[in-house]
Amino acid sequence: MSRKKLFLIIGAPGSGKTTDCEVIASRHAEITHYSAGDMFRAEVATGSERGQIIKAIIDRGEIVPINIAIETIVGAIKQAPTSAVIIDGYPRSIEQMEALDDYLAGEPEVALANVIEVVVSEEIARDRVLGRARGADDNEAVFARRMKVYVEPLADIQHFYTQKGLLHKINGERELAQVADEMQAHIESLI
């Protein structure tokens, strides 16, 4: 059995990373897309004890604990119907990155193929998030907290994956189709 190829897509809230991934997965039969947020929301929707814990954490704009996140994510990758899986919104901390790296080192079924950063300015991110107003989490204070949570570990995450030769940056301030096309071409070159 061949190993599943994992692509991690990182970017600020409002960078468009989730939409880019959805477009690519809808176009490509060999790519499955999971949003870390979607996986956590699915767990919340079950009403399980774990789901209730996740909901409380997300409602505060904080990061889901590593053990819960890794189990949820790696389980989903293994169950994916395709050989390539793209996950957006993970890792969001140095601890998550290191824990995932350690976990994958001993995981024969999954290989990290690449980490793609969708780069946008904070101004564009804020305009996009506050302009789309999905719900209670999309207000200025929560956006500021989410942005801070994203930016704080970013330099270390970039350095870690650059050292491994795995980081690829894409300009996320262009039209959606241009960003998705570039991301898709990059992913296809590695699968």
N, C-alpha and C. Protein backbone atom coordinates (compact mmCIF):
# COMPACT_ATOMS: atom_id res chain seq x y z
N MET A 1 0.84 -1.20 0.00
CA MET A 1 0.00 0.00 0.00
C MET A 1 0.88 1.25 0.00
N SER A 2 0.57 2.18 -0.88
CA SER A 2 1.38 3.39 -0.93
C SER A 2 0.95 4.35 0.17
N ARG A 3 1.88 5.16 0.61
CA ARG A 3 1.59 6.13 1.67
C ARG A 3 0.74 7.26 1.12
N LYS A 4 -0.14 7.76 1.97
CA LYS A 4 -0.93 8.93 1.59
C LYS A 4 -0.02 10.15 1.64
N LYS A 5 -0.17 11.03 0.68
CA LYS A 5 0.60 12.27 0.65
C LYS A 5 -0.22 13.38 1.27
N LEU A 6 0.36 13.99 2.30
CA LEU A 6 -0.32 15.03 3.05
C LEU A 6 0.24 16.40 2.67
N PHE A 7 -0.67 17.33 2.40
CA PHE A 7 -0.31 18.72 2.13
C PHE A 7 -0.98 19.58 3.20
N LEU A 8 -0.20 20.38 3.91
CA LEU A 8 -0.73 21.29 4.92
C LEU A 8 -0.79 22.69 4.32
N ILE A 9 -1.95 23.34 4.46
CA ILE A 9 -2.14 24.67 3.90
C ILE A 9 -2.32 25.63 5.08
N ILE A 10 -1.39 26.58 5.21
CA ILE A 10 -1.50 27.55 6.31
C ILE A 10 -1.71 28.94 5.73
N GLY A 11 -2.31 29.79 6.56
CA GLY A 11 -2.56 31.17 6.14
C GLY A 11 -3.41 31.85 7.19
N ALA A 12 -3.38 33.15 7.19
CA ALA A 12 -4.14 33.93 8.17
C ALA A 12 -5.63 33.68 8.00
N PRO A 13 -6.43 33.94 9.06
CA PRO A 13 -7.88 33.94 8.88
C PRO A 13 -8.21 34.92 7.76
N GLY A 14 -9.02 34.52 6.81
CA GLY A 14 -9.35 35.41 5.69
C GLY A 14 -8.38 35.33 4.53
N SER A 15 -7.39 34.42 4.60
CA SER A 15 -6.42 34.31 3.49
C SER A 15 -7.04 33.62 2.28
N GLY A 16 -8.19 32.94 2.47
CA GLY A 16 -8.83 32.24 1.36
C GLY A 16 -8.40 30.79 1.26
N LYS A 17 -7.60 30.31 2.21
CA LYS A 17 -7.04 28.96 2.09
C LYS A 17 -8.10 27.88 2.02
N THR A 18 -9.17 28.00 2.80
CA THR A 18 -10.22 26.96 2.78
C THR A 18 -10.90 26.93 1.42
N THR A 19 -11.25 28.10 0.89
CA THR A 19 -11.92 28.16 -0.41
C THR A 19 -11.01 27.63 -1.51
N ASP A 20 -9.72 27.99 -1.47
CA ASP A 20 -8.77 27.48 -2.47
C ASP A 20 -8.76 25.95 -2.45
N CYS A 21 -8.69 25.39 -1.26
CA CYS A 21 -8.65 23.93 -1.12
C CYS A 21 -9.93 23.28 -1.62
N GLU A 22 -11.07 23.89 -1.32
CA GLU A 22 -12.36 23.35 -1.79
C GLU A 22 -12.41 23.33 -3.31
N VAL A 23 -11.92 24.39 -3.94
CA VAL A 23 -11.90 24.47 -5.40
C VAL A 23 -11.03 23.36 -5.98
N ILE A 24 -9.84 23.19 -5.42
CA ILE A 24 -8.91 22.16 -5.92
C ILE A 24 -9.51 20.76 -5.76
N ALA A 25 -10.05 20.47 -4.60
CA ALA A 25 -10.63 19.14 -4.36
C ALA A 25 -11.82 18.87 -5.28
N SER A 26 -12.59 19.90 -5.58
CA SER A 26 -13.76 19.71 -6.45
C SER A 26 -13.33 19.44 -7.90
N ARG A 27 -12.14 19.91 -8.27
CA ARG A 27 -11.63 19.73 -9.63
C ARG A 27 -10.87 18.42 -9.81
N HIS A 28 -10.36 17.87 -8.70
CA HIS A 28 -9.36 16.80 -8.80
C HIS A 28 -9.82 15.56 -8.03
N ALA A 29 -10.06 14.47 -8.75
CA ALA A 29 -10.58 13.24 -8.14
C ALA A 29 -9.60 12.56 -7.19
N GLU A 30 -8.33 12.90 -7.30
CA GLU A 30 -7.33 12.23 -6.45
C GLU A 30 -6.91 13.07 -5.23
N ILE A 31 -7.64 14.14 -4.96
CA ILE A 31 -7.31 14.99 -3.82
C ILE A 31 -8.54 15.13 -2.92
N THR A 32 -8.35 14.84 -1.63
CA THR A 32 -9.39 15.06 -0.62
C THR A 32 -8.99 16.26 0.21
N HIS A 33 -9.97 17.13 0.50
CA HIS A 33 -9.69 18.32 1.33
C HIS A 33 -10.41 18.21 2.66
N TYR A 34 -9.67 18.46 3.71
CA TYR A 34 -10.25 18.60 5.04
C TYR A 34 -9.77 19.92 5.62
N SER A 35 -10.68 20.66 6.22
CA SER A 35 -10.31 21.83 7.00
C SER A 35 -10.19 21.35 8.44
N ALA A 36 -9.12 21.73 9.11
CA ALA A 36 -8.99 21.37 10.52
C ALA A 36 -10.23 21.84 11.27
N GLY A 37 -10.67 23.05 10.95
CA GLY A 37 -11.88 23.59 11.58
C GLY A 37 -13.10 22.73 11.31
N ASP A 38 -13.26 22.25 10.06
CA ASP A 38 -14.40 21.38 9.73
C ASP A 38 -14.35 20.09 10.52
N MET A 39 -13.15 19.52 10.66
CA MET A 39 -13.02 18.27 11.42
C MET A 39 -13.42 18.50 12.88
N PHE A 40 -13.02 19.63 13.43
CA PHE A 40 -13.39 19.93 14.81
C PHE A 40 -14.89 20.22 14.92
N ARG A 41 -15.45 20.97 13.94
CA ARG A 41 -16.88 21.26 13.98
C ARG A 41 -17.71 19.99 13.85
N ALA A 42 -17.23 19.04 13.04
CA ALA A 42 -17.93 17.76 12.89
C ALA A 42 -17.96 17.03 14.24
N GLU A 43 -16.86 17.09 14.97
CA GLU A 43 -16.79 16.47 16.29
C GLU A 43 -17.75 17.18 17.25
N VAL A 44 -17.80 18.52 17.18
CA VAL A 44 -18.71 19.29 18.02
C VAL A 44 -20.16 18.88 17.73
N ALA A 45 -20.47 18.70 16.43
CA ALA A 45 -21.84 18.37 16.02
C ALA A 45 -22.32 17.02 16.56
N THR A 46 -21.39 16.13 16.90
CA THR A 46 -21.79 14.82 17.44
C THR A 46 -22.32 14.96 18.86
N GLY A 47 -21.99 16.10 19.52
CA GLY A 47 -22.44 16.29 20.89
C GLY A 47 -21.64 15.48 21.91
N SER A 48 -20.56 14.86 21.45
CA SER A 48 -19.72 14.04 22.34
C SER A 48 -19.03 14.91 23.38
N GLU A 49 -18.49 14.25 24.40
CA GLU A 49 -17.74 14.99 25.42
C GLU A 49 -16.56 15.72 24.78
N ARG A 50 -15.86 15.04 23.87
CA ARG A 50 -14.74 15.68 23.17
C ARG A 50 -15.25 16.88 22.37
N GLY A 51 -16.39 16.72 21.71
CA GLY A 51 -16.98 17.81 20.93
C GLY A 51 -17.32 19.02 21.78
N GLN A 52 -17.83 18.78 23.00
CA GLN A 52 -18.15 19.88 23.91
C GLN A 52 -16.89 20.62 24.35
N ILE A 53 -15.82 19.87 24.59
CA ILE A 53 -14.54 20.48 24.97
C ILE A 53 -14.03 21.35 23.82
N ILE A 54 -14.07 20.78 22.59
CA ILE A 54 -13.60 21.51 21.41
C ILE A 54 -14.41 22.80 21.22
N LYS A 55 -15.75 22.71 21.37
CA LYS A 55 -16.60 23.88 21.18
C LYS A 55 -16.22 25.01 22.13
N ALA A 56 -16.01 24.68 23.40
CA ALA A 56 -15.66 25.69 24.40
C ALA A 56 -14.33 26.38 24.03
N ILE A 57 -13.38 25.59 23.54
CA ILE A 57 -12.07 26.12 23.17
C ILE A 57 -12.19 27.04 21.95
N ILE A 58 -12.91 26.58 20.92
CA ILE A 58 -13.08 27.36 19.69
C ILE A 58 -13.84 28.66 19.99
N ASP A 59 -14.87 28.57 20.84
CA ASP A 59 -15.65 29.76 21.18
C ASP A 59 -14.80 30.84 21.84
N ARG A 60 -13.73 30.43 22.52
CA ARG A 60 -12.83 31.40 23.14
C ARG A 60 -11.75 31.89 22.15
N GLY A 61 -11.74 31.34 20.94
CA GLY A 61 -10.75 31.73 19.94
C GLY A 61 -9.39 31.11 20.21
N GLU A 62 -9.38 30.01 20.97
CA GLU A 62 -8.12 29.36 21.33
C GLU A 62 -7.88 28.12 20.48
N ILE A 63 -6.72 27.51 20.69
CA ILE A 63 -6.29 26.36 19.89
C ILE A 63 -6.72 25.05 20.56
N VAL A 64 -7.21 24.11 19.75
CA VAL A 64 -7.61 22.79 20.23
C VAL A 64 -6.37 22.03 20.72
N PRO A 65 -6.46 21.36 21.89
CA PRO A 65 -5.29 20.63 22.41
C PRO A 65 -4.72 19.63 21.41
N ILE A 66 -3.41 19.47 21.49
CA ILE A 66 -2.66 18.69 20.51
C ILE A 66 -3.13 17.25 20.38
N ASN A 67 -3.31 16.57 21.50
CA ASN A 67 -3.69 15.15 21.40
C ASN A 67 -5.01 14.98 20.67
N ILE A 68 -5.97 15.85 20.97
CA ILE A 68 -7.28 15.78 20.30
C ILE A 68 -7.13 16.10 18.82
N ALA A 69 -6.36 17.12 18.51
CA ALA A 69 -6.17 17.54 17.12
C ALA A 69 -5.48 16.46 16.29
N ILE A 70 -4.37 15.91 16.80
CA ILE A 70 -3.60 14.92 16.03
C ILE A 70 -4.43 13.67 15.78
N GLU A 71 -5.13 13.19 16.82
CA GLU A 71 -5.97 11.99 16.65
C GLU A 71 -7.05 12.24 15.60
N THR A 72 -7.67 13.40 15.67
CA THR A 72 -8.75 13.74 14.73
C THR A 72 -8.21 13.82 13.30
N ILE A 73 -7.09 14.50 13.14
CA ILE A 73 -6.52 14.74 11.81
C ILE A 73 -5.95 13.47 11.17
N VAL A 74 -5.11 12.75 11.90
CA VAL A 74 -4.49 11.55 11.31
C VAL A 74 -5.55 10.49 11.04
N GLY A 75 -6.54 10.39 11.91
CA GLY A 75 -7.64 9.45 11.66
C GLY A 75 -8.36 9.78 10.35
N ALA A 76 -8.60 11.06 10.12
CA ALA A 76 -9.28 11.49 8.90
C ALA A 76 -8.43 11.21 7.66
N ILE A 77 -7.12 11.45 7.75
CA ILE A 77 -6.23 11.21 6.61
C ILE A 77 -6.27 9.73 6.22
N LYS A 78 -6.17 8.86 7.21
CA LYS A 78 -6.15 7.42 6.93
C LYS A 78 -7.45 6.95 6.29
N GLN A 79 -8.56 7.59 6.67
CA GLN A 79 -9.88 7.21 6.13
C GLN A 79 -10.16 7.85 4.77
N ALA A 80 -9.34 8.79 4.35
CA ALA A 80 -9.60 9.52 3.10
C ALA A 80 -9.63 8.55 1.91
N PRO A 81 -10.53 8.80 0.96
CA PRO A 81 -10.67 7.90 -0.19
C PRO A 81 -9.61 8.11 -1.28
N THR A 82 -8.74 9.10 -1.11
CA THR A 82 -7.74 9.40 -2.14
C THR A 82 -6.32 9.27 -1.58
N SER A 83 -5.35 9.27 -2.50
CA SER A 83 -3.95 9.14 -2.10
C SER A 83 -3.34 10.46 -1.66
N ALA A 84 -3.97 11.56 -2.02
CA ALA A 84 -3.48 12.89 -1.61
C ALA A 84 -4.55 13.58 -0.77
N VAL A 85 -4.10 14.17 0.34
CA VAL A 85 -5.01 14.85 1.26
C VAL A 85 -4.45 16.25 1.54
N ILE A 86 -5.32 17.27 1.41
CA ILE A 86 -4.91 18.62 1.79
C ILE A 86 -5.70 19.03 3.02
N ILE A 87 -4.99 19.55 4.01
CA ILE A 87 -5.63 20.01 5.25
C ILE A 87 -5.28 21.47 5.42
N ASP A 88 -6.32 22.29 5.59
CA ASP A 88 -6.01 23.71 5.81
C ASP A 88 -6.23 24.08 7.27
N GLY A 89 -5.44 25.04 7.71
CA GLY A 89 -5.58 25.55 9.07
C GLY A 89 -4.80 24.75 10.10
N TYR A 90 -3.78 24.02 9.68
CA TYR A 90 -2.99 23.22 10.61
C TYR A 90 -1.58 23.05 10.06
N PRO A 91 -0.54 23.18 10.85
CA PRO A 91 -0.52 23.46 12.29
C PRO A 91 -0.65 24.96 12.58
N ARG A 92 -1.12 25.26 13.79
CA ARG A 92 -1.31 26.65 14.19
C ARG A 92 -0.44 27.02 15.38
N SER A 93 0.42 26.11 15.78
CA SER A 93 1.36 26.43 16.87
C SER A 93 2.62 25.60 16.67
N ILE A 94 3.70 26.02 17.33
CA ILE A 94 4.95 25.27 17.27
C ILE A 94 4.73 23.88 17.87
N GLU A 95 3.97 23.82 18.96
CA GLU A 95 3.70 22.52 19.61
C GLU A 95 2.94 21.59 18.68
N GLN A 96 1.95 22.12 17.98
CA GLN A 96 1.20 21.29 17.01
C GLN A 96 2.12 20.79 15.91
N MET A 97 2.95 21.67 15.41
CA MET A 97 3.87 21.33 14.32
C MET A 97 4.82 20.21 14.77
N GLU A 98 5.41 20.38 15.95
CA GLU A 98 6.36 19.39 16.44
C GLU A 98 5.67 18.06 16.74
N ALA A 99 4.48 18.12 17.33
CA ALA A 99 3.75 16.89 17.65
C ALA A 99 3.36 16.15 16.38
N LEU A 100 2.91 16.89 15.36
CA LEU A 100 2.55 16.25 14.09
C LEU A 100 3.79 15.64 13.43
N ASP A 101 4.90 16.37 13.46
CA ASP A 101 6.14 15.88 12.88
C ASP A 101 6.58 14.59 13.57
N ASP A 102 6.54 14.58 14.91
CA ASP A 102 6.90 13.38 15.68
C ASP A 102 5.96 12.23 15.34
N TYR A 103 4.67 12.52 15.27
CA TYR A 103 3.67 11.49 15.00
C TYR A 103 3.89 10.89 13.62
N LEU A 104 4.10 11.75 12.62
CA LEU A 104 4.28 11.28 11.25
C LEU A 104 5.58 10.49 11.07
N ALA A 105 6.59 10.80 11.89
CA ALA A 105 7.87 10.08 11.80
C ALA A 105 7.66 8.59 12.06
N GLY A 106 6.68 8.26 12.89
CA GLY A 106 6.41 6.85 13.19
C GLY A 106 5.17 6.32 12.51
N GLU A 107 4.69 7.03 11.49
CA GLU A 107 3.43 6.67 10.82
C GLU A 107 3.70 6.19 9.40
N PRO A 108 3.66 4.87 9.16
CA PRO A 108 4.00 4.35 7.84
C PRO A 108 2.97 4.67 6.74
N GLU A 109 1.76 5.05 7.12
CA GLU A 109 0.70 5.24 6.12
C GLU A 109 0.61 6.65 5.56
N VAL A 110 1.28 7.62 6.21
CA VAL A 110 1.12 9.02 5.81
C VAL A 110 2.49 9.70 5.71
N ALA A 111 2.72 10.43 4.61
CA ALA A 111 3.96 11.20 4.44
C ALA A 111 3.60 12.66 4.17
N LEU A 112 4.28 13.58 4.87
CA LEU A 112 4.07 15.01 4.62
C LEU A 112 4.78 15.39 3.33
N ALA A 113 4.02 15.77 2.32
CA ALA A 113 4.59 16.10 1.01
C ALA A 113 5.02 17.57 0.93
N ASN A 114 4.22 18.49 1.51
CA ASN A 114 4.52 19.91 1.38
C ASN A 114 3.65 20.72 2.33
N VAL A 115 4.15 21.92 2.66
CA VAL A 115 3.39 22.90 3.44
C VAL A 115 3.29 24.14 2.57
N ILE A 116 2.07 24.57 2.30
CA ILE A 116 1.84 25.72 1.44
C ILE A 116 1.28 26.86 2.29
N GLU A 117 1.97 28.01 2.25
CA GLU A 117 1.49 29.18 2.98
C GLU A 117 0.83 30.15 1.99
N VAL A 118 -0.44 30.47 2.27
CA VAL A 118 -1.17 31.46 1.47
C VAL A 118 -0.95 32.80 2.17
N VAL A 119 -0.18 33.67 1.53
CA VAL A 119 0.28 34.91 2.17
C VAL A 119 -0.65 36.07 1.83
N VAL A 120 -1.19 36.72 2.88
CA VAL A 120 -1.98 37.95 2.71
C VAL A 120 -1.61 38.92 3.83
N SER A 121 -1.81 40.21 3.59
CA SER A 121 -1.56 41.21 4.62
C SER A 121 -2.67 41.14 5.68
N GLU A 122 -2.37 41.64 6.87
CA GLU A 122 -3.39 41.66 7.93
C GLU A 122 -4.58 42.52 7.52
N GLU A 123 -4.32 43.61 6.78
CA GLU A 123 -5.41 44.50 6.36
C GLU A 123 -6.40 43.76 5.46
N ILE A 124 -5.87 43.02 4.50
CA ILE A 124 -6.75 42.27 3.59
C ILE A 124 -7.49 41.18 4.35
N ALA A 125 -6.77 40.50 5.22
CA ALA A 125 -7.40 39.44 6.03
C ALA A 125 -8.57 40.02 6.84
N ARG A 126 -8.34 41.16 7.50
CA ARG A 126 -9.39 41.78 8.33
C ARG A 126 -10.59 42.16 7.47
N ASP A 127 -10.34 42.79 6.33
CA ASP A 127 -11.44 43.21 5.45
C ASP A 127 -12.27 42.00 5.03
N ARG A 128 -11.60 40.91 4.68
CA ARG A 128 -12.32 39.71 4.23
C ARG A 128 -13.13 39.09 5.36
N VAL A 129 -12.52 38.96 6.54
CA VAL A 129 -13.21 38.29 7.65
C VAL A 129 -14.37 39.12 8.16
N LEU A 130 -14.14 40.41 8.41
CA LEU A 130 -15.20 41.24 8.97
C LEU A 130 -16.25 41.56 7.91
N GLY A 131 -15.88 41.47 6.65
CA GLY A 131 -16.85 41.69 5.57
C GLY A 131 -17.77 40.51 5.36
N ARG A 132 -17.33 39.30 5.75
CA ARG A 132 -18.17 38.12 5.47
C ARG A 132 -19.08 37.77 6.65
N ALA A 133 -18.74 38.26 7.87
CA ALA A 133 -19.61 38.14 9.06
C ALA A 133 -20.43 36.87 9.11
N ARG A 134 -19.78 35.76 9.28
CA ARG A 134 -20.47 34.47 9.33
C ARG A 134 -21.22 34.27 10.63
N GLY A 135 -20.68 34.77 11.72
CA GLY A 135 -21.33 34.49 13.00
C GLY A 135 -20.63 35.21 14.13
N ALA A 136 -20.86 34.72 15.33
CA ALA A 136 -20.37 35.39 16.53
C ALA A 136 -18.86 35.54 16.56
N ASP A 137 -18.14 34.60 15.89
CA ASP A 137 -16.68 34.67 15.99
C ASP A 137 -16.09 35.72 15.06
N ASP A 138 -16.91 36.28 14.18
CA ASP A 138 -16.36 37.22 13.20
C ASP A 138 -16.52 38.67 13.63
N ASN A 139 -16.11 38.99 14.84
CA ASN A 139 -16.08 40.39 15.23
C ASN A 139 -14.64 40.82 15.42
N GLU A 140 -14.45 42.11 15.56
CA GLU A 140 -13.09 42.68 15.57
C GLU A 140 -12.21 42.08 16.66
N ALA A 141 -12.73 41.93 17.87
CA ALA A 141 -11.91 41.43 18.98
C ALA A 141 -11.47 39.98 18.73
N VAL A 142 -12.40 39.16 18.27
CA VAL A 142 -12.05 37.76 18.01
C VAL A 142 -11.11 37.68 16.81
N PHE A 143 -11.35 38.51 15.79
CA PHE A 143 -10.42 38.50 14.64
C PHE A 143 -9.01 38.84 15.12
N ALA A 144 -8.89 39.87 15.95
CA ALA A 144 -7.57 40.29 16.45
C ALA A 144 -6.90 39.15 17.21
N ARG A 145 -7.67 38.43 18.01
CA ARG A 145 -7.12 37.30 18.77
C ARG A 145 -6.70 36.18 17.82
N ARG A 146 -7.55 35.88 16.84
CA ARG A 146 -7.22 34.82 15.88
C ARG A 146 -5.97 35.18 15.08
N MET A 147 -5.84 36.45 14.71
CA MET A 147 -4.68 36.90 13.95
C MET A 147 -3.41 36.77 14.79
N LYS A 148 -3.51 37.17 16.06
CA LYS A 148 -2.37 37.08 16.97
C LYS A 148 -1.95 35.61 17.14
N VAL A 149 -2.93 34.73 17.32
CA VAL A 149 -2.65 33.30 17.47
C VAL A 149 -1.95 32.76 16.21
N TYR A 150 -2.37 33.27 15.03
CA TYR A 150 -1.75 32.83 13.78
C TYR A 150 -0.32 33.36 13.65
N VAL A 151 -0.13 34.66 13.93
CA VAL A 151 1.15 35.31 13.65
C VAL A 151 2.25 34.92 14.64
N GLU A 152 1.90 34.75 15.92
CA GLU A 152 2.93 34.51 16.95
C GLU A 152 3.92 33.39 16.60
N PRO A 153 3.44 32.19 16.21
CA PRO A 153 4.40 31.11 15.93
C PRO A 153 4.84 31.06 14.47
N LEU A 154 4.37 31.98 13.63
CA LEU A 154 4.54 31.84 12.18
C LEU A 154 6.01 31.76 11.75
N ALA A 155 6.86 32.64 12.27
CA ALA A 155 8.26 32.64 11.85
C ALA A 155 8.93 31.30 12.16
N ASP A 156 8.61 30.73 13.33
CA ASP A 156 9.19 29.44 13.70
C ASP A 156 8.66 28.31 12.82
N ILE A 157 7.37 28.36 12.50
CA ILE A 157 6.77 27.35 11.62
C ILE A 157 7.41 27.45 10.23
N GLN A 158 7.55 28.68 9.72
CA GLN A 158 8.18 28.88 8.41
C GLN A 158 9.61 28.33 8.41
N HIS A 159 10.35 28.64 9.45
CA HIS A 159 11.75 28.20 9.55
C HIS A 159 11.84 26.67 9.58
N PHE A 160 11.01 26.05 10.40
CA PHE A 160 11.01 24.59 10.56
C PHE A 160 10.79 23.88 9.22
N TYR A 161 9.75 24.30 8.50
CA TYR A 161 9.44 23.63 7.23
C TYR A 161 10.39 24.04 6.11
N THR A 162 10.94 25.25 6.18
CA THR A 162 11.96 25.66 5.20
C THR A 162 13.20 24.79 5.35
N GLN A 163 13.62 24.54 6.59
CA GLN A 163 14.79 23.69 6.86
C GLN A 163 14.60 22.29 6.29
N LYS A 164 13.35 21.81 6.27
CA LYS A 164 13.04 20.48 5.74
C LYS A 164 12.82 20.51 4.22
N GLY A 165 12.89 21.71 3.65
CA GLY A 165 12.65 21.85 2.21
C GLY A 165 11.20 21.63 1.82
N LEU A 166 10.28 21.94 2.73
CA LEU A 166 8.86 21.63 2.51
C LEU A 166 7.96 22.85 2.38
N LEU A 167 8.48 24.07 2.60
CA LEU A 167 7.60 25.25 2.59
C LEU A 167 7.53 25.89 1.20
N HIS A 168 6.30 26.15 0.75
CA HIS A 168 6.07 26.82 -0.53
C HIS A 168 5.08 27.96 -0.27
N LYS A 169 5.45 29.20 -0.64
CA LYS A 169 4.57 30.34 -0.40
C LYS A 169 3.84 30.73 -1.69
N ILE A 170 2.57 31.10 -1.50
CA ILE A 170 1.73 31.55 -2.62
C ILE A 170 1.10 32.89 -2.23
N ASN A 171 1.10 33.84 -3.16
CA ASN A 171 0.48 35.15 -2.93
C ASN A 171 -1.04 34.98 -2.93
N GLY A 172 -1.67 35.18 -1.76
CA GLY A 172 -3.11 35.00 -1.62
C GLY A 172 -3.91 36.26 -1.84
N GLU A 173 -3.26 37.34 -2.29
CA GLU A 173 -3.97 38.62 -2.49
C GLU A 173 -4.51 38.79 -3.91
N ARG A 174 -4.39 37.75 -4.72
CA ARG A 174 -4.89 37.81 -6.10
C ARG A 174 -6.30 37.23 -6.17
N GLU A 175 -6.83 37.15 -7.39
CA GLU A 175 -8.14 36.53 -7.59
C GLU A 175 -8.09 35.08 -7.15
N LEU A 176 -9.21 34.60 -6.61
CA LEU A 176 -9.32 33.23 -6.12
C LEU A 176 -8.84 32.21 -7.16
N ALA A 177 -9.28 32.36 -8.40
CA ALA A 177 -8.93 31.38 -9.43
C ALA A 177 -7.42 31.31 -9.64
N GLN A 178 -6.74 32.45 -9.62
CA GLN A 178 -5.29 32.47 -9.80
C GLN A 178 -4.58 31.74 -8.67
N VAL A 179 -5.03 31.99 -7.44
CA VAL A 179 -4.42 31.36 -6.27
C VAL A 179 -4.65 29.85 -6.31
N ALA A 180 -5.90 29.46 -6.58
CA ALA A 180 -6.23 28.03 -6.63
C ALA A 180 -5.47 27.32 -7.75
N ASP A 181 -5.36 27.97 -8.92
CA ASP A 181 -4.62 27.36 -10.04
C ASP A 181 -3.16 27.12 -9.67
N GLU A 182 -2.53 28.12 -9.04
CA GLU A 182 -1.12 27.97 -8.66
C GLU A 182 -0.95 26.87 -7.62
N MET A 183 -1.85 26.87 -6.63
CA MET A 183 -1.77 25.85 -5.58
C MET A 183 -1.97 24.45 -6.17
N GLN A 184 -2.95 24.32 -7.05
CA GLN A 184 -3.23 23.02 -7.66
C GLN A 184 -2.04 22.53 -8.48
N ALA A 185 -1.45 23.40 -9.27
CA ALA A 185 -0.30 23.01 -10.10
C ALA A 185 0.86 22.55 -9.21
N HIS A 186 1.06 23.24 -8.10
CA HIS A 186 2.14 22.88 -7.18
C HIS A 186 1.87 21.50 -6.56
N ILE A 187 0.65 21.28 -6.10
CA ILE A 187 0.29 19.99 -5.51
C ILE A 187 0.43 18.87 -6.52
N GLU A 188 -0.08 19.10 -7.72
CA GLU A 188 0.00 18.06 -8.77
C GLU A 188 1.45 17.70 -9.11
N SER A 189 2.35 18.68 -9.01
CA SER A 189 3.76 18.41 -9.31
C SER A 189 4.39 17.47 -8.28
N LEU A 190 3.74 17.30 -7.13
CA LEU A 190 4.29 16.47 -6.06
C LEU A 190 3.53 15.17 -5.83
N ILE A 191 2.43 14.96 -6.57
CA ILE A 191 1.70 13.69 -6.44
C ILE A 191 1.77 12.94 -7.74
